[in-house]
Amino acid sequence: MSVGVEGSDVVGVAEHEAFQENERLALLCHDVPEPQAVIKTALQELGFKVHIASGAPDAMERMRKTSYEVVVLDEEFQGGTPHDNPVLRVIQSMTMAVRRHVFVALVGKQFKTFDNMMAFGKSVNAVVNVNDLLQIKAILRQGIADTDGFYRVFRQVLLETGRR
């Protein structure tokens, strides 16, 4: 379970706070304070409670224990590289039964925002160029809506057939 650190916006792992029912959760994995604040604000304005990972091990543990609707990951989070990011490797190894319920946006310098082939190659739902972070709210809104629309019928059929 998660709990806010008193006097801080960062949410840490603890045992004594229960999640609110129907709460929309987002995990933010970004080290740089200014972009982190921009992304966090956008996620909050979109109605998400934002958990900020303190590092790669924390992010991986949180994803293991918590069902996040959205994960925003910087490709260089915690010293990762565009070609070797430990959090991205965990996301890429998730089963489709889990992955289809999580929208993952990967932020990086080398991406063209909404490049679907690059997103597919990285096993994420959307890629975002760092230069487009001022539009991150609109980008996330559109990406989440597109992904939800894509999977809506599929999820409904699974639910109706009892194979959720």
N, C-alpha and C. Protein backbone atom coordinates (compact mmCIF):
# COMPACT_ATOMS: atom_id res chain seq x y z
N MET A 1 0.85 -1.18 0.00
CA MET A 1 0.00 0.00 0.00
C MET A 1 0.89 1.23 0.00
N SER A 2 0.30 2.38 -0.28
CA SER A 2 1.10 3.59 -0.38
C SER A 2 0.58 4.65 0.57
N VAL A 3 1.49 5.51 0.94
CA VAL A 3 1.12 6.60 1.83
C VAL A 3 1.96 7.81 1.47
N GLY A 4 1.39 8.98 1.59
CA GLY A 4 2.15 10.20 1.34
C GLY A 4 3.09 10.49 2.49
N VAL A 5 4.25 10.99 2.18
CA VAL A 5 5.20 11.39 3.21
C VAL A 5 4.74 12.73 3.72
N GLU A 6 4.57 12.86 5.03
CA GLU A 6 4.04 14.10 5.60
C GLU A 6 4.89 15.28 5.18
N GLY A 7 4.21 16.31 4.67
CA GLY A 7 4.91 17.51 4.24
C GLY A 7 5.56 17.38 2.88
N SER A 8 5.25 16.31 2.15
CA SER A 8 5.88 16.08 0.86
C SER A 8 4.85 15.63 -0.15
N ASP A 9 5.13 15.89 -1.42
CA ASP A 9 4.25 15.42 -2.49
C ASP A 9 4.61 14.01 -2.92
N VAL A 10 5.75 13.51 -2.50
CA VAL A 10 6.21 12.19 -2.91
C VAL A 10 5.47 11.15 -2.10
N VAL A 11 5.01 10.12 -2.79
CA VAL A 11 4.29 9.05 -2.13
C VAL A 11 5.25 7.89 -1.93
N GLY A 12 5.33 7.37 -0.72
CA GLY A 12 6.23 6.27 -0.41
C GLY A 12 5.46 5.02 -0.07
N VAL A 13 6.14 3.89 -0.02
CA VAL A 13 5.50 2.62 0.28
C VAL A 13 5.37 2.47 1.79
N ALA A 14 4.19 2.13 2.25
CA ALA A 14 3.94 1.89 3.67
C ALA A 14 2.74 0.98 3.81
N GLU A 15 2.51 0.50 5.01
CA GLU A 15 1.45 -0.47 5.24
C GLU A 15 0.14 0.14 5.72
N HIS A 16 0.12 1.36 6.21
CA HIS A 16 -1.04 1.83 6.95
C HIS A 16 -2.01 2.73 6.20
N GLU A 17 -1.89 2.93 4.92
CA GLU A 17 -2.89 3.69 4.19
C GLU A 17 -3.51 2.82 3.11
N ALA A 18 -4.80 2.77 3.07
CA ALA A 18 -5.50 2.01 2.04
C ALA A 18 -5.77 2.92 0.86
N PHE A 19 -5.70 2.35 -0.32
CA PHE A 19 -6.06 3.11 -1.51
C PHE A 19 -7.55 3.36 -1.49
N GLN A 20 -7.95 4.48 -2.03
CA GLN A 20 -9.37 4.76 -2.15
C GLN A 20 -9.92 3.95 -3.32
N GLU A 21 -11.14 3.50 -3.16
CA GLU A 21 -11.78 2.74 -4.22
C GLU A 21 -11.94 3.62 -5.45
N ASN A 22 -11.75 3.02 -6.61
CA ASN A 22 -11.87 3.71 -7.90
C ASN A 22 -10.85 4.83 -8.09
N GLU A 23 -9.78 4.78 -7.36
CA GLU A 23 -8.72 5.78 -7.49
C GLU A 23 -7.89 5.46 -8.74
N ARG A 24 -7.63 6.47 -9.53
CA ARG A 24 -6.82 6.30 -10.74
C ARG A 24 -5.37 6.58 -10.36
N LEU A 25 -4.51 5.57 -10.56
CA LEU A 25 -3.12 5.68 -10.13
C LEU A 25 -2.17 5.80 -11.31
N ALA A 26 -1.17 6.65 -11.14
CA ALA A 26 -0.12 6.82 -12.14
C ALA A 26 1.23 6.72 -11.45
N LEU A 27 2.18 6.09 -12.11
CA LEU A 27 3.54 5.99 -11.61
C LEU A 27 4.42 6.85 -12.50
N LEU A 28 5.18 7.74 -11.87
CA LEU A 28 6.07 8.65 -12.59
C LEU A 28 7.51 8.28 -12.27
N CYS A 29 8.26 7.98 -13.31
CA CYS A 29 9.67 7.60 -13.18
C CYS A 29 10.51 8.61 -13.96
N HIS A 30 10.83 9.70 -13.30
CA HIS A 30 11.63 10.77 -13.92
C HIS A 30 12.46 11.41 -12.83
N ASP A 31 13.76 11.57 -13.08
CA ASP A 31 14.70 12.10 -12.09
C ASP A 31 14.82 13.62 -12.07
N VAL A 32 14.61 14.25 -13.18
CA VAL A 32 14.90 15.67 -13.30
C VAL A 32 13.71 16.48 -12.76
N PRO A 33 13.95 17.34 -11.75
CA PRO A 33 12.86 18.02 -11.05
C PRO A 33 11.88 18.81 -11.94
N GLU A 34 12.36 19.61 -12.86
CA GLU A 34 11.46 20.45 -13.65
C GLU A 34 10.52 19.61 -14.54
N PRO A 35 11.05 18.69 -15.37
CA PRO A 35 10.13 17.86 -16.15
C PRO A 35 9.24 16.98 -15.27
N GLN A 36 9.79 16.52 -14.16
CA GLN A 36 9.01 15.70 -13.23
C GLN A 36 7.79 16.48 -12.75
N ALA A 37 7.99 17.74 -12.38
CA ALA A 37 6.89 18.57 -11.89
C ALA A 37 5.85 18.83 -12.99
N VAL A 38 6.30 19.04 -14.21
CA VAL A 38 5.39 19.29 -15.33
C VAL A 38 4.53 18.05 -15.58
N ILE A 39 5.15 16.88 -15.60
CA ILE A 39 4.43 15.63 -15.85
C ILE A 39 3.48 15.33 -14.70
N LYS A 40 3.95 15.52 -13.48
CA LYS A 40 3.11 15.25 -12.31
C LYS A 40 1.86 16.13 -12.33
N THR A 41 2.03 17.40 -12.61
CA THR A 41 0.89 18.32 -12.66
C THR A 41 -0.10 17.89 -13.74
N ALA A 42 0.42 17.52 -14.91
CA ALA A 42 -0.46 17.08 -16.00
C ALA A 42 -1.25 15.84 -15.60
N LEU A 43 -0.59 14.88 -14.97
CA LEU A 43 -1.27 13.65 -14.53
C LEU A 43 -2.35 13.98 -13.49
N GLN A 44 -2.02 14.86 -12.56
CA GLN A 44 -3.00 15.24 -11.54
C GLN A 44 -4.19 15.94 -12.17
N GLU A 45 -3.94 16.81 -13.14
CA GLU A 45 -5.03 17.51 -13.82
C GLU A 45 -5.90 16.55 -14.63
N LEU A 46 -5.34 15.40 -15.01
CA LEU A 46 -6.10 14.37 -15.72
C LEU A 46 -6.82 13.42 -14.75
N GLY A 47 -6.68 13.69 -13.45
CA GLY A 47 -7.42 12.93 -12.45
C GLY A 47 -6.69 11.77 -11.81
N PHE A 48 -5.38 11.73 -11.93
CA PHE A 48 -4.60 10.64 -11.36
C PHE A 48 -3.96 11.02 -10.04
N LYS A 49 -3.87 10.05 -9.14
CA LYS A 49 -3.03 10.18 -7.96
C LYS A 49 -1.66 9.70 -8.41
N VAL A 50 -0.66 10.54 -8.23
CA VAL A 50 0.66 10.27 -8.78
C VAL A 50 1.61 9.75 -7.71
N HIS A 51 2.22 8.61 -7.99
CA HIS A 51 3.29 8.08 -7.16
C HIS A 51 4.59 8.33 -7.91
N ILE A 52 5.56 8.90 -7.23
CA ILE A 52 6.85 9.17 -7.86
C ILE A 52 7.86 8.15 -7.35
N ALA A 53 8.41 7.38 -8.27
CA ALA A 53 9.39 6.36 -7.91
C ALA A 53 10.70 7.03 -7.51
N SER A 54 11.28 6.55 -6.42
CA SER A 54 12.54 7.12 -5.95
C SER A 54 13.74 6.54 -6.69
N GLY A 55 13.53 5.45 -7.40
CA GLY A 55 14.59 4.81 -8.15
C GLY A 55 14.05 3.61 -8.89
N ALA A 56 14.91 2.97 -9.66
CA ALA A 56 14.47 1.82 -10.44
C ALA A 56 13.96 0.68 -9.55
N PRO A 57 14.66 0.32 -8.47
CA PRO A 57 14.13 -0.76 -7.62
C PRO A 57 12.76 -0.41 -7.03
N ASP A 58 12.57 0.85 -6.63
CA ASP A 58 11.29 1.29 -6.09
C ASP A 58 10.21 1.19 -7.16
N ALA A 59 10.50 1.64 -8.38
CA ALA A 59 9.53 1.57 -9.48
C ALA A 59 9.12 0.14 -9.76
N MET A 60 10.09 -0.76 -9.81
CA MET A 60 9.80 -2.16 -10.09
C MET A 60 8.97 -2.79 -8.98
N GLU A 61 9.27 -2.45 -7.73
CA GLU A 61 8.50 -2.97 -6.60
C GLU A 61 7.08 -2.43 -6.62
N ARG A 62 6.93 -1.17 -6.91
CA ARG A 62 5.60 -0.56 -6.97
C ARG A 62 4.76 -1.23 -8.07
N MET A 63 5.35 -1.45 -9.24
CA MET A 63 4.61 -2.08 -10.33
C MET A 63 4.23 -3.52 -9.99
N ARG A 64 5.04 -4.16 -9.19
CA ARG A 64 4.75 -5.53 -8.78
C ARG A 64 3.57 -5.58 -7.83
N LYS A 65 3.44 -4.57 -6.97
CA LYS A 65 2.43 -4.57 -5.91
C LYS A 65 1.17 -3.77 -6.24
N THR A 66 1.24 -2.87 -7.19
CA THR A 66 0.14 -1.93 -7.43
C THR A 66 -0.26 -1.94 -8.89
N SER A 67 -1.55 -1.86 -9.14
CA SER A 67 -2.07 -1.78 -10.51
C SER A 67 -2.15 -0.32 -10.92
N TYR A 68 -1.21 0.09 -11.74
CA TYR A 68 -1.19 1.46 -12.24
C TYR A 68 -1.92 1.53 -13.58
N GLU A 69 -2.71 2.56 -13.75
CA GLU A 69 -3.38 2.79 -15.03
C GLU A 69 -2.42 3.43 -16.01
N VAL A 70 -1.49 4.24 -15.49
CA VAL A 70 -0.54 4.96 -16.33
C VAL A 70 0.85 4.88 -15.70
N VAL A 71 1.85 4.66 -16.56
CA VAL A 71 3.25 4.76 -16.15
C VAL A 71 3.93 5.69 -17.15
N VAL A 72 4.60 6.72 -16.63
CA VAL A 72 5.39 7.62 -17.46
C VAL A 72 6.84 7.42 -17.05
N LEU A 73 7.66 7.01 -18.01
CA LEU A 73 9.05 6.63 -17.75
C LEU A 73 9.99 7.42 -18.63
N ASP A 74 10.98 8.06 -18.00
CA ASP A 74 12.05 8.69 -18.76
C ASP A 74 13.04 7.60 -19.15
N GLU A 75 13.48 7.60 -20.40
CA GLU A 75 14.37 6.54 -20.88
C GLU A 75 15.71 6.52 -20.12
N GLU A 76 16.08 7.62 -19.48
CA GLU A 76 17.34 7.67 -18.74
C GLU A 76 17.12 7.68 -17.22
N PHE A 77 15.94 7.25 -16.79
CA PHE A 77 15.60 7.22 -15.36
C PHE A 77 16.64 6.43 -14.57
N GLN A 78 17.14 7.05 -13.52
CA GLN A 78 18.10 6.43 -12.60
C GLN A 78 19.33 5.88 -13.31
N GLY A 79 19.83 6.63 -14.27
CA GLY A 79 21.06 6.22 -14.95
C GLY A 79 20.86 5.19 -16.04
N GLY A 80 19.60 4.87 -16.33
CA GLY A 80 19.34 3.95 -17.44
C GLY A 80 19.74 4.62 -18.74
N THR A 81 19.81 3.85 -19.78
CA THR A 81 20.14 4.39 -21.08
C THR A 81 18.99 4.11 -22.03
N PRO A 82 18.97 4.78 -23.18
CA PRO A 82 17.92 4.50 -24.15
C PRO A 82 17.89 3.04 -24.59
N HIS A 83 19.02 2.36 -24.48
CA HIS A 83 19.10 0.97 -24.92
C HIS A 83 19.05 -0.03 -23.78
N ASP A 84 19.18 0.45 -22.55
CA ASP A 84 19.18 -0.47 -21.40
C ASP A 84 18.61 0.23 -20.17
N ASN A 85 17.31 0.18 -20.06
CA ASN A 85 16.62 0.79 -18.93
C ASN A 85 15.96 -0.34 -18.13
N PRO A 86 16.36 -0.55 -16.87
CA PRO A 86 15.83 -1.69 -16.12
C PRO A 86 14.32 -1.64 -15.90
N VAL A 87 13.75 -0.46 -15.74
CA VAL A 87 12.30 -0.36 -15.55
C VAL A 87 11.58 -0.72 -16.85
N LEU A 88 12.10 -0.25 -17.97
CA LEU A 88 11.52 -0.59 -19.26
C LEU A 88 11.60 -2.09 -19.52
N ARG A 89 12.70 -2.71 -19.13
CA ARG A 89 12.82 -4.18 -19.30
C ARG A 89 11.72 -4.90 -18.54
N VAL A 90 11.41 -4.44 -17.32
CA VAL A 90 10.34 -5.06 -16.53
C VAL A 90 9.00 -4.87 -17.24
N ILE A 91 8.75 -3.69 -17.74
CA ILE A 91 7.50 -3.41 -18.45
C ILE A 91 7.41 -4.30 -19.69
N GLN A 92 8.51 -4.42 -20.43
CA GLN A 92 8.51 -5.23 -21.65
C GLN A 92 8.28 -6.70 -21.36
N SER A 93 8.62 -7.14 -20.16
CA SER A 93 8.46 -8.56 -19.83
C SER A 93 7.10 -8.89 -19.21
N MET A 94 6.27 -7.87 -18.98
CA MET A 94 4.94 -8.11 -18.41
C MET A 94 4.10 -8.93 -19.39
N THR A 95 3.25 -9.77 -18.86
CA THR A 95 2.34 -10.52 -19.71
C THR A 95 1.32 -9.57 -20.31
N MET A 96 0.77 -9.94 -21.43
CA MET A 96 -0.25 -9.09 -22.07
C MET A 96 -1.49 -8.96 -21.20
N ALA A 97 -1.77 -9.96 -20.40
CA ALA A 97 -2.93 -9.87 -19.50
C ALA A 97 -2.78 -8.68 -18.55
N VAL A 98 -1.57 -8.37 -18.17
CA VAL A 98 -1.31 -7.22 -17.30
C VAL A 98 -1.11 -5.96 -18.13
N ARG A 99 -0.30 -6.05 -19.18
CA ARG A 99 0.09 -4.87 -19.96
C ARG A 99 -1.07 -4.14 -20.62
N ARG A 100 -2.10 -4.89 -21.04
CA ARG A 100 -3.19 -4.22 -21.74
C ARG A 100 -4.02 -3.33 -20.82
N HIS A 101 -3.75 -3.39 -19.52
CA HIS A 101 -4.46 -2.54 -18.56
C HIS A 101 -3.61 -1.35 -18.11
N VAL A 102 -2.41 -1.20 -18.67
CA VAL A 102 -1.50 -0.13 -18.27
C VAL A 102 -1.09 0.67 -19.51
N PHE A 103 -1.27 1.98 -19.44
CA PHE A 103 -0.79 2.86 -20.50
C PHE A 103 0.62 3.28 -20.12
N VAL A 104 1.59 3.01 -20.99
CA VAL A 104 2.99 3.36 -20.72
C VAL A 104 3.46 4.38 -21.75
N ALA A 105 3.94 5.52 -21.24
CA ALA A 105 4.52 6.56 -22.08
C ALA A 105 6.02 6.61 -21.77
N LEU A 106 6.83 6.53 -22.81
CA LEU A 106 8.28 6.58 -22.67
C LEU A 106 8.76 7.93 -23.20
N VAL A 107 9.47 8.66 -22.34
CA VAL A 107 9.95 10.01 -22.67
C VAL A 107 11.43 9.92 -23.01
N GLY A 108 11.83 10.55 -24.12
CA GLY A 108 13.24 10.52 -24.50
C GLY A 108 13.59 11.59 -25.52
N LYS A 109 14.88 11.74 -25.70
CA LYS A 109 15.41 12.76 -26.63
C LYS A 109 15.31 12.31 -28.08
N GLN A 110 15.38 11.01 -28.30
CA GLN A 110 15.47 10.48 -29.66
C GLN A 110 14.12 10.25 -30.33
N PHE A 111 13.02 10.42 -29.62
CA PHE A 111 11.71 10.07 -30.14
C PHE A 111 11.02 11.22 -30.85
N LYS A 112 10.20 10.85 -31.80
CA LYS A 112 9.23 11.77 -32.38
C LYS A 112 7.93 11.44 -31.67
N THR A 113 7.33 12.42 -31.01
CA THR A 113 6.11 12.18 -30.23
C THR A 113 5.06 11.49 -31.09
N PHE A 114 4.45 10.47 -30.51
CA PHE A 114 3.41 9.65 -31.15
C PHE A 114 3.92 8.86 -32.35
N ASP A 115 5.21 8.54 -32.38
CA ASP A 115 5.75 7.66 -33.43
C ASP A 115 5.34 6.24 -33.06
N ASN A 116 4.28 5.75 -33.70
CA ASN A 116 3.71 4.45 -33.34
C ASN A 116 4.67 3.29 -33.56
N MET A 117 5.49 3.35 -34.59
CA MET A 117 6.44 2.25 -34.83
C MET A 117 7.52 2.22 -33.74
N MET A 118 7.98 3.38 -33.32
CA MET A 118 8.97 3.43 -32.23
C MET A 118 8.34 2.92 -30.94
N ALA A 119 7.11 3.34 -30.67
CA ALA A 119 6.41 2.86 -29.47
C ALA A 119 6.27 1.34 -29.51
N PHE A 120 5.86 0.82 -30.65
CA PHE A 120 5.73 -0.63 -30.81
C PHE A 120 7.07 -1.33 -30.57
N GLY A 121 8.13 -0.79 -31.14
CA GLY A 121 9.46 -1.36 -30.97
C GLY A 121 9.95 -1.35 -29.54
N LYS A 122 9.50 -0.38 -28.75
CA LYS A 122 9.89 -0.28 -27.35
C LYS A 122 8.88 -0.97 -26.42
N SER A 123 7.81 -1.52 -26.99
CA SER A 123 6.74 -2.18 -26.22
C SER A 123 6.06 -1.23 -25.23
N VAL A 124 5.80 -0.01 -25.71
CA VAL A 124 5.08 0.97 -24.91
C VAL A 124 3.90 1.47 -25.74
N ASN A 125 3.01 2.22 -25.11
CA ASN A 125 1.85 2.72 -25.83
C ASN A 125 2.14 4.01 -26.59
N ALA A 126 3.05 4.82 -26.07
CA ALA A 126 3.38 6.08 -26.72
C ALA A 126 4.80 6.49 -26.36
N VAL A 127 5.43 7.17 -27.31
CA VAL A 127 6.73 7.79 -27.04
C VAL A 127 6.54 9.30 -27.12
N VAL A 128 7.30 10.01 -26.29
CA VAL A 128 7.17 11.47 -26.19
C VAL A 128 8.57 12.08 -26.24
N ASN A 129 8.76 13.02 -27.13
CA ASN A 129 10.03 13.73 -27.19
C ASN A 129 10.09 14.72 -26.03
N VAL A 130 11.25 14.83 -25.39
CA VAL A 130 11.40 15.73 -24.24
C VAL A 130 11.04 17.18 -24.59
N ASN A 131 11.20 17.56 -25.84
CA ASN A 131 10.87 18.93 -26.25
C ASN A 131 9.37 19.18 -26.31
N ASP A 132 8.57 18.13 -26.19
CA ASP A 132 7.11 18.27 -26.23
C ASP A 132 6.47 18.19 -24.85
N LEU A 133 7.26 18.25 -23.79
CA LEU A 133 6.71 18.09 -22.44
C LEU A 133 5.74 19.21 -22.04
N LEU A 134 5.84 20.37 -22.66
CA LEU A 134 4.88 21.42 -22.35
C LEU A 134 3.47 21.06 -22.80
N GLN A 135 3.38 20.10 -23.72
CA GLN A 135 2.07 19.61 -24.19
C GLN A 135 1.75 18.23 -23.62
N ILE A 136 2.42 17.83 -22.55
CA ILE A 136 2.28 16.46 -22.04
C ILE A 136 0.85 16.13 -21.61
N LYS A 137 0.13 17.09 -21.08
CA LYS A 137 -1.25 16.81 -20.67
C LYS A 137 -2.09 16.38 -21.87
N ALA A 138 -2.02 17.12 -22.96
CA ALA A 138 -2.78 16.78 -24.17
C ALA A 138 -2.28 15.47 -24.77
N ILE A 139 -0.97 15.27 -24.75
CA ILE A 139 -0.39 14.04 -25.29
C ILE A 139 -0.89 12.83 -24.50
N LEU A 140 -0.84 12.92 -23.17
CA LEU A 140 -1.30 11.81 -22.34
C LEU A 140 -2.80 11.59 -22.50
N ARG A 141 -3.57 12.67 -22.52
CA ARG A 141 -5.02 12.55 -22.69
C ARG A 141 -5.34 11.79 -23.98
N GLN A 142 -4.69 12.20 -25.08
CA GLN A 142 -4.94 11.58 -26.38
C GLN A 142 -4.45 10.12 -26.40
N GLY A 143 -3.26 9.89 -25.88
CA GLY A 143 -2.71 8.53 -25.87
C GLY A 143 -3.53 7.57 -25.04
N ILE A 144 -3.95 8.01 -23.87
CA ILE A 144 -4.77 7.16 -22.99
C ILE A 144 -6.12 6.87 -23.66
N ALA A 145 -6.73 7.89 -24.26
CA ALA A 145 -8.02 7.70 -24.94
C ALA A 145 -7.87 6.74 -26.12
N ASP A 146 -6.81 6.88 -26.90
CA ASP A 146 -6.58 5.99 -28.05
C ASP A 146 -6.40 4.55 -27.59
N THR A 147 -5.62 4.36 -26.54
CA THR A 147 -5.36 3.01 -26.04
C THR A 147 -6.62 2.41 -25.44
N ASP A 148 -7.36 3.21 -24.69
CA ASP A 148 -8.61 2.73 -24.12
C ASP A 148 -9.59 2.32 -25.22
N GLY A 149 -9.71 3.13 -26.25
CA GLY A 149 -10.58 2.79 -27.36
C GLY A 149 -10.15 1.53 -28.08
N PHE A 150 -8.86 1.35 -28.23
CA PHE A 150 -8.32 0.17 -28.90
C PHE A 150 -8.65 -1.11 -28.13
N TYR A 151 -8.50 -1.05 -26.81
CA TYR A 151 -8.68 -2.25 -25.98
C TYR A 151 -10.09 -2.41 -25.41
N ARG A 152 -10.93 -1.40 -25.51
CA ARG A 152 -12.26 -1.44 -24.87
C ARG A 152 -13.06 -2.68 -25.26
N VAL A 153 -13.23 -2.93 -26.54
CA VAL A 153 -14.02 -4.07 -27.00
C VAL A 153 -13.34 -5.38 -26.58
N PHE A 154 -12.06 -5.44 -26.74
CA PHE A 154 -11.32 -6.64 -26.36
C PHE A 154 -11.51 -6.96 -24.88
N ARG A 155 -11.36 -5.96 -24.01
CA ARG A 155 -11.54 -6.17 -22.57
C ARG A 155 -12.98 -6.59 -22.26
N GLN A 156 -13.93 -5.99 -22.95
CA GLN A 156 -15.33 -6.32 -22.72
C GLN A 156 -15.61 -7.78 -23.08
N VAL A 157 -15.08 -8.26 -24.19
CA VAL A 157 -15.26 -9.65 -24.59
C VAL A 157 -14.62 -10.59 -23.56
N LEU A 158 -13.43 -10.25 -23.11
CA LEU A 158 -12.77 -11.07 -22.09
C LEU A 158 -13.59 -11.13 -20.83
N LEU A 159 -14.13 -10.00 -20.41
CA LEU A 159 -14.95 -9.95 -19.20
C LEU A 159 -16.22 -10.79 -19.37
N GLU A 160 -16.86 -10.66 -20.51
CA GLU A 160 -18.10 -11.41 -20.76
C GLU A 160 -17.87 -12.91 -20.85
N THR A 161 -16.69 -13.32 -21.28
CA THR A 161 -16.40 -14.75 -21.39
C THR A 161 -15.71 -15.28 -20.15
N GLY A 162 -15.55 -14.42 -19.14
CA GLY A 162 -14.95 -14.85 -17.87
C GLY A 162 -13.46 -15.08 -17.94
N ARG A 163 -12.80 -14.50 -18.93
CA ARG A 163 -11.35 -14.70 -19.06
C ARG A 163 -10.56 -13.45 -18.77
N ARG A 164 -11.11 -12.51 -18.14
CA ARG A 164 -10.51 -11.23 -17.79
C ARG A 164 -9.06 -11.33 -17.73
